[in-house]
Structures are given as C-alpha cells and as structure tokens.
C-alpha cells in the first residue's frame, strides 16, 4: 500500500501501519486528488496474494503552512 501511494505523482510522504490498516499521506493537492490516492490503494496488491486493500477517507485534506 505504501509503495502504491508513493507512486502517485505529488505524494511526498506516506506513513502506513498495517496493524491498524491506516495511512497518513502528505501530497500536493495541485498535482493529485484524494480520488487518485483512493484508487492507488484500492489497486494495490498486498504482501499476500489474498490481501486486498480498500481505502476510505477519514478526514478531508488539510493545508500545510510553510514556516
């Protein structure tokens, strides 16, 4: 799942935890969309042949301010 998200243009960071089944993704909203991220996860193949990922969005995008 992590590598599938990192392959999406505009994604700069992915923190994924298989135990909880969650990922935090940092991306450029000018380059990609949440829908593209969901599609990447849903199309990913897990480490086991029968493992299939299904993405849902827990919260909307939050802007990151430069300091």
N, C-alpha and C. Protein backbone atom coordinates (compact mmCIF):
# COMPACT_ATOMS: atom_id res chain seq x y z
N UNK A 1 0.82 -1.18 0.00
CA UNK A 1 0.00 0.00 0.00
C UNK A 1 0.87 1.25 0.00
N UNK A 2 1.91 1.26 0.80
CA UNK A 2 2.79 2.42 0.89
C UNK A 2 3.43 2.73 -0.45
N UNK A 3 3.96 1.72 -1.11
CA UNK A 3 4.63 1.95 -2.39
C UNK A 3 3.64 2.40 -3.46
N UNK A 4 2.42 1.88 -3.42
CA UNK A 4 1.40 2.30 -4.38
C UNK A 4 1.09 3.79 -4.20
N UNK A 5 1.00 4.24 -2.97
CA UNK A 5 0.75 5.66 -2.72
C UNK A 5 1.94 6.52 -3.13
N UNK A 6 3.15 6.06 -2.86
CA UNK A 6 4.34 6.83 -3.23
C UNK A 6 4.50 6.94 -4.74
N UNK A 7 3.90 6.02 -5.48
CA UNK A 7 3.96 6.08 -6.95
C UNK A 7 3.02 7.13 -7.54
N UNK A 8 2.10 7.66 -6.74
CA UNK A 8 1.17 8.69 -7.23
C UNK A 8 1.92 10.02 -7.32
N UNK A 9 1.91 10.66 -8.48
CA UNK A 9 2.57 11.96 -8.61
C UNK A 9 2.03 12.96 -7.59
N UNK A 10 2.93 13.67 -6.94
CA UNK A 10 2.53 14.66 -5.95
C UNK A 10 2.59 14.16 -4.52
N UNK A 11 2.69 12.85 -4.31
CA UNK A 11 2.79 12.31 -2.96
C UNK A 11 4.23 12.44 -2.50
N UNK A 12 4.41 13.05 -1.33
CA UNK A 12 5.75 13.27 -0.82
C UNK A 12 6.08 12.43 0.41
N UNK A 13 5.04 11.93 1.09
CA UNK A 13 5.30 11.15 2.31
C UNK A 13 4.11 10.26 2.60
N UNK A 14 4.41 9.04 3.06
CA UNK A 14 3.36 8.10 3.46
C UNK A 14 3.79 7.42 4.75
N UNK A 15 2.93 7.49 5.75
CA UNK A 15 3.13 6.74 6.98
C UNK A 15 2.01 5.71 7.03
N UNK A 16 2.33 4.44 6.82
CA UNK A 16 1.31 3.39 6.79
C UNK A 16 1.55 2.40 7.91
N UNK A 17 0.47 1.98 8.54
CA UNK A 17 0.54 0.98 9.60
C UNK A 17 -0.39 -0.16 9.22
N UNK A 18 0.18 -1.31 8.93
CA UNK A 18 -0.64 -2.46 8.52
C UNK A 18 -1.51 -2.96 9.67
N UNK A 19 -1.01 -2.87 10.90
CA UNK A 19 -1.79 -3.35 12.03
C UNK A 19 -3.12 -2.62 12.15
N UNK A 20 -3.09 -1.31 11.98
CA UNK A 20 -4.33 -0.53 12.08
C UNK A 20 -5.01 -0.38 10.73
N UNK A 21 -4.27 -0.67 9.65
CA UNK A 21 -4.82 -0.53 8.32
C UNK A 21 -5.00 0.91 7.89
N UNK A 22 -4.20 1.80 8.46
CA UNK A 22 -4.32 3.22 8.17
C UNK A 22 -3.04 3.79 7.59
N UNK A 23 -3.21 4.86 6.82
CA UNK A 23 -2.05 5.57 6.26
C UNK A 23 -2.32 7.07 6.35
N UNK A 24 -1.27 7.80 6.64
CA UNK A 24 -1.31 9.26 6.59
C UNK A 24 -0.47 9.65 5.39
N UNK A 25 -1.08 10.42 4.49
CA UNK A 25 -0.43 10.75 3.22
C UNK A 25 -0.24 12.26 3.12
N UNK A 26 0.98 12.66 2.79
CA UNK A 26 1.27 14.06 2.52
C UNK A 26 1.43 14.19 1.01
N UNK A 27 0.65 15.11 0.42
CA UNK A 27 0.68 15.24 -1.03
C UNK A 27 0.38 16.68 -1.44
N UNK A 28 0.69 16.98 -2.69
CA UNK A 28 0.43 18.29 -3.26
C UNK A 28 -0.94 18.25 -3.94
N UNK A 29 -1.93 18.97 -3.39
CA UNK A 29 -3.27 18.93 -3.98
C UNK A 29 -3.35 19.58 -5.37
N UNK A 30 -2.31 20.28 -5.78
CA UNK A 30 -2.26 20.84 -7.13
C UNK A 30 -1.85 19.77 -8.14
N UNK A 31 -1.28 18.68 -7.65
CA UNK A 31 -0.76 17.63 -8.51
C UNK A 31 -1.64 16.40 -8.54
N UNK A 32 -2.30 16.08 -7.42
CA UNK A 32 -3.13 14.87 -7.37
C UNK A 32 -4.39 15.14 -6.56
N UNK A 33 -5.27 14.16 -6.54
CA UNK A 33 -6.54 14.29 -5.82
C UNK A 33 -6.70 13.16 -4.82
N UNK A 34 -7.62 13.34 -3.90
CA UNK A 34 -7.94 12.29 -2.94
C UNK A 34 -8.44 11.05 -3.69
N UNK A 35 -9.22 11.28 -4.73
CA UNK A 35 -9.73 10.15 -5.53
C UNK A 35 -8.60 9.33 -6.14
N UNK A 36 -7.53 9.99 -6.56
CA UNK A 36 -6.37 9.28 -7.12
C UNK A 36 -5.67 8.46 -6.04
N UNK A 37 -5.62 8.98 -4.83
CA UNK A 37 -4.99 8.26 -3.72
C UNK A 37 -5.82 7.02 -3.37
N UNK A 38 -7.13 7.18 -3.31
CA UNK A 38 -8.02 6.05 -3.02
C UNK A 38 -7.87 4.99 -4.10
N UNK A 39 -7.84 5.40 -5.36
CA UNK A 39 -7.69 4.45 -6.47
C UNK A 39 -6.36 3.69 -6.37
N UNK A 40 -5.30 4.38 -5.98
CA UNK A 40 -3.99 3.73 -5.84
C UNK A 40 -4.03 2.65 -4.76
N UNK A 41 -4.66 2.95 -3.64
CA UNK A 41 -4.77 1.97 -2.55
C UNK A 41 -5.64 0.79 -2.99
N UNK A 42 -6.78 1.10 -3.59
CA UNK A 42 -7.69 0.02 -3.99
C UNK A 42 -7.09 -0.87 -5.07
N UNK A 43 -6.15 -0.36 -5.85
CA UNK A 43 -5.50 -1.15 -6.88
C UNK A 43 -4.23 -1.84 -6.43
N UNK A 44 -3.81 -1.58 -5.20
CA UNK A 44 -2.57 -2.16 -4.69
C UNK A 44 -2.74 -3.64 -4.38
N UNK A 45 -1.66 -4.37 -4.52
CA UNK A 45 -1.64 -5.79 -4.18
C UNK A 45 -0.86 -5.94 -2.89
N UNK A 46 -1.46 -6.62 -1.92
CA UNK A 46 -0.83 -6.79 -0.62
C UNK A 46 0.31 -7.79 -0.66
N UNK A 47 1.01 -7.93 0.48
CA UNK A 47 2.15 -8.85 0.54
C UNK A 47 1.73 -10.31 0.39
N UNK A 48 0.49 -10.60 0.65
CA UNK A 48 -0.04 -11.95 0.44
C UNK A 48 -1.04 -11.87 -0.71
N UNK A 49 -1.09 -12.89 -1.51
CA UNK A 49 -1.93 -12.87 -2.71
C UNK A 49 -3.40 -12.59 -2.41
N UNK A 50 -3.87 -13.03 -1.23
CA UNK A 50 -5.30 -12.84 -0.93
C UNK A 50 -5.58 -11.56 -0.15
N UNK A 51 -4.58 -10.71 0.05
CA UNK A 51 -4.78 -9.46 0.78
C UNK A 51 -5.15 -8.36 -0.22
N UNK A 52 -6.31 -7.79 -0.02
CA UNK A 52 -6.77 -6.72 -0.90
C UNK A 52 -7.09 -5.51 -0.04
N UNK A 53 -6.60 -4.35 -0.45
CA UNK A 53 -6.82 -3.12 0.30
C UNK A 53 -8.10 -2.44 -0.16
N UNK A 54 -8.76 -1.74 0.74
CA UNK A 54 -9.92 -0.90 0.42
C UNK A 54 -9.74 0.40 1.18
N UNK A 55 -9.72 1.50 0.44
CA UNK A 55 -9.46 2.81 1.04
C UNK A 55 -10.75 3.55 1.36
N UNK A 56 -10.72 4.26 2.47
CA UNK A 56 -11.75 5.23 2.82
C UNK A 56 -11.02 6.45 3.35
N UNK A 57 -11.66 7.59 3.27
CA UNK A 57 -11.05 8.83 3.73
C UNK A 57 -11.65 9.17 5.09
N UNK A 58 -10.78 9.31 6.10
CA UNK A 58 -11.25 9.63 7.43
C UNK A 58 -11.47 11.12 7.63
N UNK A 59 -10.64 11.94 7.01
CA UNK A 59 -10.83 13.38 7.10
C UNK A 59 -10.34 14.02 5.83
N UNK A 60 -10.85 15.19 5.56
CA UNK A 60 -10.50 15.88 4.33
C UNK A 60 -9.09 16.40 4.36
N UNK A 61 -8.64 16.87 3.21
CA UNK A 61 -7.29 17.42 3.12
C UNK A 61 -7.14 18.63 4.03
N UNK A 62 -5.95 18.74 4.62
CA UNK A 62 -5.64 19.89 5.45
C UNK A 62 -4.43 20.58 4.86
N UNK A 63 -4.52 21.88 4.66
CA UNK A 63 -3.37 22.60 4.11
C UNK A 63 -2.21 22.61 5.10
N UNK A 64 -1.02 22.58 4.56
CA UNK A 64 0.20 22.64 5.37
C UNK A 64 0.81 24.00 5.14
N UNK A 65 1.10 24.70 6.21
CA UNK A 65 1.70 26.02 6.06
C UNK A 65 3.21 25.93 6.15
N UNK A 66 3.89 26.71 5.37
CA UNK A 66 5.35 26.75 5.39
C UNK A 66 5.78 27.69 6.51
N UNK A 67 6.79 27.29 7.22
CA UNK A 67 7.31 28.13 8.32
C UNK A 67 8.75 28.43 8.09
